[in-house]
N, C-alpha and C. Protein backbone atom coordinates (compact mmCIF):
# COMPACT_ATOMS: atom_id res chain seq x y z
N UNK A 1 25.95 -46.59 -126.83
CA UNK A 1 25.52 -45.39 -126.56
C UNK A 1 25.01 -45.36 -125.17
N UNK A 2 25.21 -44.48 -124.29
CA UNK A 2 25.00 -44.50 -122.97
C UNK A 2 23.84 -43.73 -122.60
N UNK A 3 22.79 -44.41 -121.69
CA UNK A 3 21.54 -43.82 -121.51
C UNK A 3 21.59 -43.23 -120.09
N UNK A 4 21.24 -42.06 -119.70
CA UNK A 4 20.92 -41.67 -118.65
C UNK A 4 19.57 -40.97 -118.44
N UNK A 5 18.81 -41.79 -117.62
CA UNK A 5 17.63 -41.49 -116.94
C UNK A 5 17.43 -40.36 -115.87
N UNK A 6 16.82 -39.46 -116.39
CA UNK A 6 16.79 -38.06 -115.50
C UNK A 6 15.22 -38.16 -114.84
N UNK A 7 15.46 -38.02 -113.72
CA UNK A 7 14.06 -38.23 -112.89
C UNK A 7 14.13 -37.14 -111.59
N UNK A 8 12.77 -37.09 -111.02
CA UNK A 8 12.72 -36.35 -109.95
C UNK A 8 11.36 -36.13 -109.55
N UNK A 9 10.96 -35.78 -108.34
CA UNK A 9 9.51 -35.43 -108.06
C UNK A 9 9.16 -34.13 -108.77
N UNK A 10 7.52 -33.96 -108.52
CA UNK A 10 7.01 -32.92 -109.08
C UNK A 10 7.71 -31.50 -108.71
N UNK A 11 7.89 -30.65 -109.61
CA UNK A 11 8.34 -29.28 -109.59
C UNK A 11 9.84 -28.96 -108.88
N UNK A 12 10.73 -30.28 -109.08
CA UNK A 12 11.83 -30.31 -108.62
C UNK A 12 12.97 -29.56 -109.58
N UNK A 13 12.55 -29.05 -110.86
CA UNK A 13 13.54 -28.49 -111.90
C UNK A 13 14.07 -29.42 -112.78
N UNK A 14 13.34 -30.48 -113.21
CA UNK A 14 13.73 -31.42 -114.04
C UNK A 14 13.76 -30.76 -115.69
N UNK A 15 12.85 -29.93 -115.92
CA UNK A 15 12.94 -29.29 -117.19
C UNK A 15 14.08 -28.62 -117.18
N UNK A 16 14.37 -27.73 -116.37
CA UNK A 16 15.64 -26.79 -116.23
C UNK A 16 16.73 -27.73 -116.51
N UNK A 17 16.92 -28.63 -115.95
CA UNK A 17 17.86 -29.70 -116.10
C UNK A 17 18.11 -30.17 -117.20
N UNK A 18 17.09 -30.44 -117.86
CA UNK A 18 17.26 -31.09 -119.11
C UNK A 18 17.45 -30.12 -120.35
N UNK A 19 17.19 -28.67 -120.12
CA UNK A 19 17.65 -28.03 -121.02
C UNK A 19 19.16 -27.68 -120.87
N UNK A 20 19.86 -27.89 -119.76
CA UNK A 20 21.10 -27.70 -119.44
C UNK A 20 21.84 -28.64 -120.28
N UNK A 21 21.47 -30.17 -120.35
CA UNK A 21 21.84 -31.35 -121.02
C UNK A 21 21.91 -30.72 -122.45
N UNK A 22 20.80 -30.31 -122.92
CA UNK A 22 20.63 -29.95 -124.40
C UNK A 22 21.59 -29.03 -124.91
N UNK A 23 21.87 -27.90 -124.06
CA UNK A 23 22.92 -26.88 -124.39
C UNK A 23 24.42 -27.42 -124.53
N UNK A 24 24.21 -28.66 -123.61
CA UNK A 24 25.89 -29.19 -123.71
C UNK A 24 25.83 -30.35 -124.97
N UNK A 25 25.00 -30.21 -125.77
CA UNK A 25 24.76 -30.87 -126.95
C UNK A 25 24.26 -32.34 -126.62
N UNK A 26 23.84 -32.71 -125.66
CA UNK A 26 23.22 -33.95 -125.52
C UNK A 26 21.43 -33.94 -125.80
N UNK A 27 21.30 -34.90 -126.55
CA UNK A 27 19.94 -35.25 -127.00
C UNK A 27 19.04 -35.72 -125.64
N UNK A 28 17.65 -34.98 -125.39
CA UNK A 28 16.97 -35.38 -124.43
C UNK A 28 15.55 -35.89 -124.96
N UNK A 29 15.09 -37.11 -124.43
CA UNK A 29 13.84 -37.36 -124.57
C UNK A 29 12.83 -36.92 -123.32
N UNK A 30 11.93 -36.02 -123.72
CA UNK A 30 11.17 -35.83 -122.60
C UNK A 30 9.68 -36.54 -122.56
N UNK A 31 9.51 -37.24 -121.75
CA UNK A 31 8.27 -38.07 -121.41
C UNK A 31 7.03 -37.22 -121.30
N UNK A 32 6.87 -35.85 -120.49
CA UNK A 32 5.94 -35.14 -120.52
C UNK A 32 5.57 -34.56 -121.57
N UNK A 33 6.65 -34.08 -122.28
CA UNK A 33 6.41 -33.31 -123.48
C UNK A 33 5.45 -34.23 -124.63
N UNK A 34 6.16 -35.29 -124.65
CA UNK A 34 5.58 -36.59 -125.50
C UNK A 34 3.87 -36.66 -125.02
N UNK A 35 3.85 -36.71 -123.79
CA UNK A 35 2.21 -36.93 -123.48
C UNK A 35 1.61 -35.65 -123.51
N UNK A 36 2.02 -34.62 -123.55
CA UNK A 36 1.31 -33.60 -124.13
C UNK A 36 0.71 -33.54 -125.87
N UNK A 37 1.79 -34.11 -126.47
CA UNK A 37 1.51 -34.00 -127.84
C UNK A 37 0.61 -35.27 -128.22
N UNK A 38 0.55 -36.29 -127.36
CA UNK A 38 -0.22 -37.39 -127.42
C UNK A 38 -1.91 -36.89 -127.16
N UNK A 39 -2.07 -36.13 -126.18
CA UNK A 39 -3.20 -35.45 -125.82
C UNK A 39 -3.89 -34.31 -126.33
N UNK A 40 -2.81 -33.85 -127.40
CA UNK A 40 -3.40 -32.49 -128.34
C UNK A 40 -4.04 -33.07 -129.43
N UNK A 41 -4.57 -32.30 -130.51
CA UNK A 41 -5.28 -32.65 -131.64
C UNK A 41 -4.41 -33.33 -132.47
N UNK A 42 -4.98 -34.52 -132.80
CA UNK A 42 -4.50 -35.69 -133.65
C UNK A 42 -3.47 -36.49 -132.97
N UNK A 43 -3.28 -36.44 -131.66
CA UNK A 43 -2.45 -37.11 -130.87
C UNK A 43 -3.02 -38.71 -130.85
N UNK A 44 -2.15 -39.55 -130.58
CA UNK A 44 -2.65 -40.97 -130.60
C UNK A 44 -3.36 -41.17 -129.52
N UNK A 45 -3.34 -40.67 -128.33
CA UNK A 45 -3.90 -41.31 -127.21
C UNK A 45 -5.23 -40.38 -126.98
N UNK A 46 -5.91 -39.41 -127.83
CA UNK A 46 -7.00 -38.55 -127.51
C UNK A 46 -8.14 -39.52 -127.56
N UNK A 47 -8.17 -40.51 -128.56
CA UNK A 47 -9.57 -41.23 -128.51
C UNK A 47 -9.74 -42.26 -127.35
N UNK A 48 -8.32 -42.94 -127.00
CA UNK A 48 -8.59 -43.76 -125.95
C UNK A 48 -8.75 -43.37 -124.63
N UNK A 49 -8.25 -42.22 -124.35
CA UNK A 49 -8.40 -41.60 -122.88
C UNK A 49 -9.81 -40.98 -123.03
N UNK A 50 -10.56 -40.28 -124.00
CA UNK A 50 -11.85 -39.94 -123.99
C UNK A 50 -12.87 -41.05 -123.73
N UNK A 51 -12.24 -42.33 -124.22
CA UNK A 51 -13.37 -43.38 -124.03
C UNK A 51 -13.20 -43.68 -122.61
N UNK A 52 -11.97 -43.90 -122.07
CA UNK A 52 -11.98 -44.26 -120.55
C UNK A 52 -12.41 -43.08 -119.81
N UNK A 53 -12.39 -41.86 -120.26
CA UNK A 53 -12.81 -40.80 -119.11
C UNK A 53 -13.77 -39.88 -120.10
N UNK A 54 -14.96 -40.29 -120.17
CA UNK A 54 -15.73 -39.78 -121.39
C UNK A 54 -15.94 -38.21 -121.02
N UNK A 55 -16.11 -37.21 -122.08
CA UNK A 55 -16.31 -36.00 -121.79
C UNK A 55 -14.95 -35.05 -121.68
N UNK A 56 -13.79 -35.80 -121.61
CA UNK A 56 -12.60 -34.74 -121.33
C UNK A 56 -12.26 -34.37 -122.62
N UNK A 57 -12.76 -34.74 -123.71
CA UNK A 57 -12.15 -34.23 -125.05
C UNK A 57 -13.02 -33.21 -125.68
N UNK A 58 -12.27 -32.09 -126.09
CA UNK A 58 -13.12 -31.02 -126.80
C UNK A 58 -12.57 -30.81 -127.90
N UNK A 59 -13.06 -30.71 -129.09
CA UNK A 59 -12.68 -30.48 -130.44
C UNK A 59 -11.46 -31.03 -130.53
N UNK A 60 -11.33 -32.23 -130.27
CA UNK A 60 -10.24 -33.31 -130.53
C UNK A 60 -8.94 -33.16 -129.79
N UNK A 61 -9.23 -32.34 -128.66
CA UNK A 61 -8.15 -32.10 -127.66
C UNK A 61 -8.41 -32.50 -126.31
N UNK A 62 -7.72 -33.17 -125.66
CA UNK A 62 -8.07 -33.55 -124.25
C UNK A 62 -7.86 -32.21 -123.45
N UNK A 63 -8.62 -31.97 -122.64
CA UNK A 63 -8.90 -30.93 -121.61
C UNK A 63 -8.22 -31.40 -120.33
N UNK A 64 -6.83 -31.02 -120.40
CA UNK A 64 -5.96 -31.39 -119.42
C UNK A 64 -6.45 -31.08 -117.79
N UNK A 65 -7.05 -30.00 -117.75
CA UNK A 65 -7.61 -29.39 -116.31
C UNK A 65 -8.76 -30.57 -116.01
N UNK A 66 -9.69 -30.74 -116.89
CA UNK A 66 -10.63 -31.67 -116.39
C UNK A 66 -10.32 -33.10 -116.36
N UNK A 67 -9.47 -33.71 -117.16
CA UNK A 67 -8.63 -34.85 -116.93
C UNK A 67 -7.84 -34.89 -115.63
N UNK A 68 -7.28 -33.83 -115.26
CA UNK A 68 -6.22 -33.59 -113.98
C UNK A 68 -7.47 -33.81 -112.76
N UNK A 69 -8.63 -33.14 -112.99
CA UNK A 69 -9.47 -33.10 -111.72
C UNK A 69 -9.85 -34.23 -111.64
N UNK A 70 -10.08 -35.39 -112.46
CA UNK A 70 -10.38 -36.90 -112.38
C UNK A 70 -9.47 -37.67 -111.85
N UNK A 71 -8.20 -37.45 -112.20
CA UNK A 71 -7.17 -38.68 -111.90
C UNK A 71 -6.53 -38.16 -110.71
N UNK A 72 -6.32 -36.81 -110.38
CA UNK A 72 -5.39 -36.40 -109.27
C UNK A 72 -6.44 -36.39 -107.82
N UNK A 73 -7.50 -37.01 -107.82
CA UNK A 73 -8.17 -37.23 -106.71
C UNK A 73 -8.75 -38.63 -106.60
N UNK A 74 -8.14 -39.68 -107.49
CA UNK A 74 -8.56 -41.00 -107.56
C UNK A 74 -7.47 -41.57 -107.82
N UNK A 75 -6.72 -42.44 -106.98
CA UNK A 75 -5.75 -43.49 -107.30
C UNK A 75 -6.28 -44.27 -108.70
N UNK A 76 -7.35 -44.87 -108.52
CA UNK A 76 -7.90 -46.06 -109.45
C UNK A 76 -7.70 -45.26 -111.07
N UNK A 77 -8.35 -44.03 -111.02
CA UNK A 77 -8.49 -43.27 -112.02
C UNK A 77 -7.26 -42.83 -112.90
N UNK A 78 -6.19 -42.56 -111.87
CA UNK A 78 -4.85 -42.26 -112.13
C UNK A 78 -4.22 -43.61 -112.95
N UNK A 79 -4.45 -44.75 -112.32
CA UNK A 79 -3.72 -46.05 -112.69
C UNK A 79 -4.31 -46.27 -114.14
N UNK A 80 -5.23 -46.10 -114.28
CA UNK A 80 -6.43 -46.26 -115.52
C UNK A 80 -5.69 -45.37 -116.70
N UNK A 81 -5.25 -44.18 -116.64
CA UNK A 81 -4.72 -43.17 -117.28
C UNK A 81 -3.34 -43.51 -117.60
N UNK A 82 -2.53 -44.04 -116.42
CA UNK A 82 -1.14 -44.30 -116.71
C UNK A 82 -1.10 -46.04 -117.32
N UNK A 83 -2.18 -46.80 -117.38
CA UNK A 83 -1.96 -47.84 -118.12
C UNK A 83 -2.49 -47.59 -119.56
N UNK A 84 -2.90 -46.48 -119.98
CA UNK A 84 -3.06 -45.99 -121.28
C UNK A 84 -1.60 -45.30 -121.95
N UNK A 85 -1.30 -44.52 -121.12
CA UNK A 85 -0.32 -43.63 -121.48
C UNK A 85 1.14 -44.20 -121.67
N UNK A 86 1.52 -45.06 -120.43
CA UNK A 86 2.75 -45.37 -120.44
C UNK A 86 3.41 -46.38 -121.52
N UNK A 87 2.54 -47.14 -121.92
CA UNK A 87 3.03 -48.34 -123.20
C UNK A 87 3.12 -47.11 -124.55
N UNK A 88 2.62 -46.26 -124.67
CA UNK A 88 2.77 -45.31 -125.85
C UNK A 88 4.01 -44.45 -125.44
N UNK A 89 4.17 -43.98 -124.47
CA UNK A 89 5.32 -43.15 -124.13
C UNK A 89 6.74 -44.06 -124.46
N UNK A 90 6.68 -45.46 -123.69
CA UNK A 90 7.59 -46.26 -124.11
C UNK A 90 8.10 -46.49 -125.61
N UNK A 91 6.89 -46.59 -126.32
CA UNK A 91 7.11 -46.95 -127.79
C UNK A 91 7.92 -45.54 -128.33
N UNK A 92 7.56 -44.41 -128.05
CA UNK A 92 7.89 -43.29 -128.55
C UNK A 92 9.52 -43.29 -128.13
N UNK A 93 9.74 -43.68 -126.86
CA UNK A 93 11.15 -43.47 -126.38
C UNK A 93 12.01 -44.63 -127.26
N UNK A 94 11.49 -45.78 -127.68
CA UNK A 94 12.28 -46.71 -128.22
C UNK A 94 12.87 -46.04 -129.84
N UNK A 95 11.79 -45.35 -130.16
CA UNK A 95 11.89 -44.92 -131.45
C UNK A 95 12.98 -43.77 -131.37
N UNK A 96 13.05 -42.99 -130.31
CA UNK A 96 14.05 -41.95 -130.03
C UNK A 96 15.47 -42.52 -129.97
N UNK A 97 15.31 -43.75 -129.26
CA UNK A 97 16.79 -44.38 -129.04
C UNK A 97 17.40 -44.86 -130.28
N UNK A 98 16.58 -45.35 -130.93
CA UNK A 98 16.70 -46.03 -132.21
C UNK A 98 17.47 -45.03 -133.43
N UNK A 99 16.84 -43.71 -133.24
CA UNK A 99 17.26 -42.63 -133.99
C UNK A 99 18.80 -42.09 -133.69
N UNK A 100 18.60 -42.13 -131.97
CA UNK A 100 19.78 -41.51 -131.75
C UNK A 100 21.16 -42.44 -131.85
N UNK A 101 20.94 -43.58 -132.06
CA UNK A 101 21.77 -44.91 -132.12
C UNK A 101 22.32 -44.67 -133.60
N UNK A 102 21.29 -44.52 -134.45
CA UNK A 102 21.69 -44.31 -135.79
C UNK A 102 22.44 -43.16 -136.29
N UNK A 103 22.20 -41.93 -135.54
CA UNK A 103 22.80 -40.96 -135.57
C UNK A 103 24.33 -40.92 -134.74
N UNK A 104 24.60 -42.08 -134.20
CA UNK A 104 26.14 -42.04 -133.47
C UNK A 104 26.06 -41.34 -132.29
N UNK A 105 25.03 -41.11 -131.58
CA UNK A 105 25.07 -40.16 -130.38
C UNK A 105 25.69 -41.26 -129.31
N UNK A 106 26.51 -40.53 -128.43
CA UNK A 106 27.40 -41.45 -127.62
C UNK A 106 26.69 -41.12 -126.13
N UNK A 107 25.71 -40.34 -125.95
CA UNK A 107 25.13 -40.16 -124.72
C UNK A 107 23.83 -39.52 -124.99
N UNK A 108 22.60 -40.11 -124.33
CA UNK A 108 21.50 -39.44 -124.52
C UNK A 108 20.65 -39.38 -123.03
N UNK A 109 19.80 -38.50 -122.89
CA UNK A 109 19.49 -38.21 -121.66
C UNK A 109 17.67 -38.66 -121.87
N UNK A 110 17.25 -39.16 -120.86
CA UNK A 110 15.71 -39.62 -121.14
C UNK A 110 14.95 -38.97 -119.72
N UNK A 111 14.31 -38.08 -120.01
CA UNK A 111 13.52 -37.47 -118.78
C UNK A 111 12.26 -38.27 -118.66
N UNK A 112 12.30 -39.03 -117.27
CA UNK A 112 11.14 -39.73 -117.06
C UNK A 112 10.76 -39.58 -115.41
N UNK A 113 9.62 -38.62 -115.25
CA UNK A 113 9.38 -38.21 -114.10
C UNK A 113 8.90 -39.53 -113.10
N UNK A 114 8.47 -40.48 -113.65
CA UNK A 114 8.06 -41.78 -112.88
C UNK A 114 9.19 -42.67 -113.01
N UNK A 115 10.29 -42.87 -113.04
CA UNK A 115 11.28 -43.67 -113.33
C UNK A 115 11.26 -44.60 -112.46
N UNK A 116 11.32 -44.45 -111.12
CA UNK A 116 11.49 -45.35 -110.07
C UNK A 116 10.11 -45.82 -109.61
N UNK A 117 9.01 -45.15 -109.77
CA UNK A 117 7.70 -45.58 -109.49
C UNK A 117 7.29 -46.77 -110.30
N UNK A 118 7.78 -46.63 -111.54
CA UNK A 118 7.44 -47.67 -112.62
C UNK A 118 8.70 -48.86 -112.80
N UNK A 119 9.56 -48.81 -111.85
CA UNK A 119 10.82 -49.74 -111.93
C UNK A 119 11.42 -49.60 -113.15
N UNK A 120 11.79 -48.53 -113.55
CA UNK A 120 12.59 -48.65 -114.71
C UNK A 120 13.89 -48.46 -114.76
N UNK A 121 14.63 -48.29 -113.57
CA UNK A 121 15.96 -47.68 -113.37
C UNK A 121 16.99 -48.65 -114.32
N UNK A 122 16.59 -49.78 -114.00
CA UNK A 122 17.64 -50.90 -114.63
C UNK A 122 17.72 -50.94 -116.13
N UNK A 123 16.81 -49.98 -116.79
CA UNK A 123 16.99 -49.90 -118.25
C UNK A 123 17.72 -48.93 -118.63
N UNK A 124 18.36 -48.11 -117.89
CA UNK A 124 19.31 -47.06 -118.05
C UNK A 124 20.68 -47.27 -117.56
N UNK A 125 21.77 -46.75 -118.27
CA UNK A 125 23.21 -47.11 -117.69
C UNK A 125 23.37 -46.29 -116.32
N UNK A 126 22.73 -45.01 -116.02
CA UNK A 126 22.84 -44.31 -115.20
C UNK A 126 21.64 -43.76 -114.78
N UNK A 127 21.31 -42.99 -113.70
CA UNK A 127 20.31 -42.28 -113.40
C UNK A 127 20.69 -40.96 -112.33
N UNK A 128 19.99 -40.20 -113.06
CA UNK A 128 20.37 -38.57 -112.06
C UNK A 128 19.28 -38.16 -111.59
N UNK A 129 19.25 -37.84 -110.44
CA UNK A 129 17.90 -37.37 -109.68
C UNK A 129 18.00 -35.74 -109.44
N UNK A 130 16.91 -35.05 -109.93
CA UNK A 130 16.84 -33.53 -109.69
C UNK A 130 16.28 -33.31 -108.41
N UNK A 131 16.89 -32.51 -107.50
CA UNK A 131 16.16 -32.40 -106.10
C UNK A 131 16.39 -30.91 -105.85
N UNK A 132 15.45 -30.52 -104.98
CA UNK A 132 15.49 -29.20 -104.51
C UNK A 132 14.64 -29.18 -102.82
N UNK A 133 15.13 -28.21 -101.75
CA UNK A 133 14.33 -28.28 -100.65
C UNK A 133 12.86 -28.33 -100.82
N UNK A 134 12.16 -28.71 -99.68
CA UNK A 134 10.63 -28.97 -99.93
C UNK A 134 9.90 -27.58 -100.15
N UNK A 135 10.36 -26.68 -99.53
CA UNK A 135 9.81 -25.35 -99.75
C UNK A 135 9.80 -24.74 -100.87
N UNK A 136 11.01 -25.01 -101.47
CA UNK A 136 11.26 -24.55 -102.97
C UNK A 136 10.20 -25.34 -104.05
N UNK A 137 10.26 -26.52 -103.75
CA UNK A 137 9.33 -27.42 -104.48
C UNK A 137 7.95 -27.04 -104.14
N UNK A 138 7.40 -26.62 -103.19
CA UNK A 138 6.04 -26.39 -103.06
C UNK A 138 5.70 -25.01 -103.58
N UNK A 139 6.61 -24.03 -103.67
CA UNK A 139 6.53 -22.77 -104.31
C UNK A 139 6.36 -22.80 -105.56
N UNK A 140 7.19 -23.60 -106.22
CA UNK A 140 7.24 -23.81 -107.65
C UNK A 140 5.96 -24.50 -108.15
N UNK A 141 5.58 -25.72 -107.42
CA UNK A 141 4.31 -26.40 -107.69
C UNK A 141 3.26 -25.41 -107.72
N UNK A 142 2.98 -24.65 -106.83
CA UNK A 142 1.84 -23.90 -106.43
C UNK A 142 1.74 -22.65 -107.52
N UNK A 143 2.93 -22.23 -108.16
CA UNK A 143 2.99 -21.20 -109.07
C UNK A 143 2.16 -21.89 -110.57
N UNK A 144 2.07 -23.27 -110.55
CA UNK A 144 1.80 -23.62 -111.68
C UNK A 144 -0.01 -23.37 -111.87
N UNK A 145 -0.48 -23.33 -113.20
CA UNK A 145 -1.67 -23.05 -113.50
C UNK A 145 -2.50 -24.67 -113.11
N UNK A 146 -3.60 -24.10 -112.29
CA UNK A 146 -4.79 -25.19 -111.86
C UNK A 146 -4.30 -26.11 -110.91
N UNK A 147 -3.18 -25.92 -110.47
CA UNK A 147 -2.42 -26.43 -109.03
C UNK A 147 -2.95 -25.98 -107.93
N UNK A 148 -3.66 -26.86 -106.95
CA UNK A 148 -4.09 -26.80 -105.76
C UNK A 148 -3.45 -27.50 -104.70
N UNK A 149 -3.35 -27.08 -103.71
CA UNK A 149 -2.87 -27.89 -102.60
C UNK A 149 -3.36 -29.39 -102.37
N UNK A 150 -4.51 -29.67 -102.61
CA UNK A 150 -5.21 -30.92 -102.53
C UNK A 150 -4.07 -31.63 -103.50
N UNK A 151 -4.44 -31.18 -104.65
CA UNK A 151 -3.43 -31.91 -106.00
C UNK A 151 -2.21 -32.22 -105.58
N UNK A 152 -1.38 -31.10 -105.23
CA UNK A 152 0.01 -31.27 -104.67
C UNK A 152 0.07 -32.61 -103.89
N UNK A 153 -0.53 -32.47 -102.84
CA UNK A 153 -0.55 -33.48 -101.77
C UNK A 153 -0.55 -34.96 -102.46
N UNK A 154 -1.72 -34.99 -103.67
CA UNK A 154 -2.13 -36.18 -103.91
C UNK A 154 -0.97 -36.59 -104.73
N UNK A 155 -0.33 -36.02 -105.63
CA UNK A 155 0.69 -36.29 -106.46
C UNK A 155 1.86 -36.75 -105.58
N UNK A 156 2.24 -36.10 -104.57
CA UNK A 156 3.42 -36.25 -103.81
C UNK A 156 3.04 -37.43 -103.31
N UNK A 157 2.03 -38.01 -102.62
CA UNK A 157 1.74 -39.29 -101.95
C UNK A 157 1.83 -40.38 -102.88
N UNK A 158 1.69 -40.22 -104.33
CA UNK A 158 1.83 -41.17 -105.15
C UNK A 158 3.08 -41.25 -105.79
N UNK A 159 4.15 -40.61 -105.30
CA UNK A 159 5.27 -40.44 -105.73
C UNK A 159 6.31 -40.99 -104.54
N UNK A 160 7.43 -41.69 -105.01
CA UNK A 160 8.38 -41.91 -104.06
C UNK A 160 9.04 -40.55 -103.31
N UNK A 161 9.40 -40.82 -102.11
CA UNK A 161 10.09 -39.49 -101.46
C UNK A 161 11.25 -39.22 -102.03
N UNK A 162 11.37 -37.97 -102.06
CA UNK A 162 12.83 -37.48 -102.49
C UNK A 162 13.96 -38.11 -102.17
N UNK A 163 13.95 -38.42 -100.80
CA UNK A 163 15.37 -38.86 -100.19
C UNK A 163 15.60 -40.19 -100.71
N UNK A 164 14.58 -40.96 -100.99
CA UNK A 164 14.59 -42.46 -101.64
C UNK A 164 15.14 -42.29 -103.01
N UNK A 165 14.44 -41.46 -103.84
CA UNK A 165 15.19 -41.40 -105.44
C UNK A 165 16.56 -41.02 -105.28
N UNK A 166 16.79 -39.87 -104.39
CA UNK A 166 18.35 -39.36 -104.32
C UNK A 166 19.22 -40.45 -104.02
N UNK A 167 18.87 -41.38 -102.96
CA UNK A 167 19.48 -42.57 -102.68
C UNK A 167 19.70 -43.64 -103.73
N UNK A 168 18.67 -43.57 -104.58
CA UNK A 168 18.85 -44.85 -105.45
C UNK A 168 19.55 -44.08 -107.02
N UNK A 169 19.95 -43.10 -106.88
CA UNK A 169 20.41 -42.74 -108.06
C UNK A 169 21.95 -42.49 -108.19
N UNK A 170 22.43 -42.50 -109.31
CA UNK A 170 23.83 -42.30 -109.39
C UNK A 170 24.35 -40.90 -109.49
N UNK A 171 23.35 -39.74 -109.53
CA UNK A 171 23.91 -38.37 -109.60
C UNK A 171 22.78 -37.76 -109.03
N UNK A 172 22.87 -36.56 -108.30
CA UNK A 172 22.12 -35.82 -107.87
C UNK A 172 22.27 -34.35 -108.41
N UNK A 173 21.32 -33.79 -109.01
CA UNK A 173 21.48 -32.35 -109.57
C UNK A 173 20.56 -31.75 -108.59
N UNK A 174 21.44 -30.69 -107.78
CA UNK A 174 20.62 -29.83 -106.72
C UNK A 174 20.15 -28.69 -107.77
N UNK A 175 18.77 -28.24 -107.44
CA UNK A 175 18.25 -27.18 -108.30
C UNK A 175 17.86 -26.02 -107.41
N UNK A 176 18.06 -26.25 -105.92
CA UNK A 176 17.65 -24.99 -105.16
C UNK A 176 18.37 -23.77 -105.00
N UNK A 177 19.23 -23.67 -105.59
CA UNK A 177 20.25 -22.51 -105.51
C UNK A 177 20.18 -21.56 -106.70
N UNK A 178 20.64 -21.90 -107.86
CA UNK A 178 20.51 -20.93 -109.13
C UNK A 178 20.76 -22.06 -110.33
N UNK A 179 20.13 -21.47 -111.32
CA UNK A 179 20.51 -22.36 -112.70
C UNK A 179 21.87 -22.54 -112.94
N UNK A 180 22.72 -21.48 -112.61
CA UNK A 180 24.15 -21.67 -112.99
C UNK A 180 24.77 -22.53 -112.15
N UNK A 181 24.51 -22.79 -110.74
CA UNK A 181 24.82 -23.78 -109.88
C UNK A 181 24.51 -25.34 -110.49
N UNK A 182 23.15 -25.36 -110.92
CA UNK A 182 22.68 -26.82 -111.39
C UNK A 182 23.23 -27.01 -112.81
N UNK A 183 23.53 -26.02 -113.55
CA UNK A 183 24.34 -26.09 -114.97
C UNK A 183 25.63 -26.67 -114.66
N UNK A 184 26.38 -26.28 -113.59
CA UNK A 184 27.85 -26.84 -113.43
C UNK A 184 27.75 -28.44 -113.10
N UNK A 185 26.46 -28.79 -112.16
CA UNK A 185 26.48 -30.01 -111.85
C UNK A 185 26.18 -31.04 -113.08
N UNK A 186 25.52 -30.14 -114.00
CA UNK A 186 25.38 -31.17 -115.26
C UNK A 186 26.47 -31.11 -116.22
N UNK A 187 27.25 -30.40 -116.18
CA UNK A 187 28.62 -30.26 -116.75
C UNK A 187 29.52 -31.25 -116.21
N UNK A 188 29.48 -31.38 -114.78
CA UNK A 188 30.18 -32.44 -114.12
C UNK A 188 29.74 -33.90 -114.13
N UNK A 189 28.55 -34.27 -114.34
CA UNK A 189 28.24 -35.30 -114.42
C UNK A 189 28.72 -35.82 -116.10
N UNK A 190 28.49 -34.93 -116.97
CA UNK A 190 29.02 -35.38 -118.31
C UNK A 190 30.51 -35.75 -118.30
N UNK A 191 31.15 -34.72 -117.62
CA UNK A 191 32.60 -34.61 -117.31
C UNK A 191 33.09 -35.75 -116.79
N UNK A 192 32.39 -36.53 -115.68
CA UNK A 192 32.70 -37.77 -114.79
C UNK A 192 32.33 -38.95 -115.83
N UNK A 193 31.26 -38.72 -116.66
CA UNK A 193 31.23 -40.13 -117.49
C UNK A 193 32.26 -40.19 -118.43
N UNK A 194 32.86 -39.17 -119.03
CA UNK A 194 33.80 -38.75 -120.04
C UNK A 194 35.09 -39.67 -119.31
N UNK A 195 35.33 -39.11 -118.08
CA UNK A 195 36.58 -39.37 -117.46
C UNK A 195 36.44 -40.98 -117.24
N UNK A 196 35.62 -41.39 -117.07
CA UNK A 196 35.49 -43.06 -116.72
C UNK A 196 36.09 -43.65 -118.09
N UNK A 197 35.82 -42.97 -119.33
CA UNK A 197 36.20 -43.55 -120.25
C UNK A 197 34.96 -44.13 -120.99
N UNK A 198 33.79 -43.86 -120.42
CA UNK A 198 32.68 -44.41 -121.04
C UNK A 198 32.06 -43.77 -122.26
N UNK A 199 32.37 -42.36 -122.48
CA UNK A 199 31.84 -41.90 -123.78
C UNK A 199 32.98 -41.00 -124.19
N UNK A 200 33.03 -40.88 -125.33
CA UNK A 200 34.27 -39.96 -125.80
C UNK A 200 33.83 -38.44 -125.92
N UNK A 201 34.93 -37.75 -125.83
CA UNK A 201 34.60 -36.06 -125.87
C UNK A 201 33.79 -35.79 -127.07
N UNK A 202 33.10 -34.83 -127.15
CA UNK A 202 32.04 -34.54 -128.14
C UNK A 202 33.03 -33.67 -129.35
């Protein structure tokens, strides 16, 4: 089974790219979606996160805005949160891979926003980076709920530059033009892998 790590900086269009892969019949593991579930009611990270950041839990749910206000202005707090969440995310990823392997999937995509920052690129057979021009990235980010210019700058400061991520990736998915354009790139990536004889046609 071939693994393709899908990464990119904030607001680059990773979710759209992941959707393109799904529509091509490729299973996708979404690290961000996994974290959302962990922080929701009944999530496995609620208690631990609330212990580390007292008061961020309300009715058994982590208040993501309150948590974000704490960690996206304090590098130490962000590191603490990541030390809690990353091992849990990795454990869920392993379960995903085991099930995909049992189901005889020949290609899976793992959407990992901080793939390079956590030095995990060697864990995957290939890496694809989603990229868009800075002004598009900025506009997308600022449309998000609870996003501020200060928070955006802090997040960018704590991520590798887009140019470096692209340079270190096997494939680049340009998302600054249109969804149909990025879809064609996703289709080309799958076709290139198949052309190399790495995976069989679905």
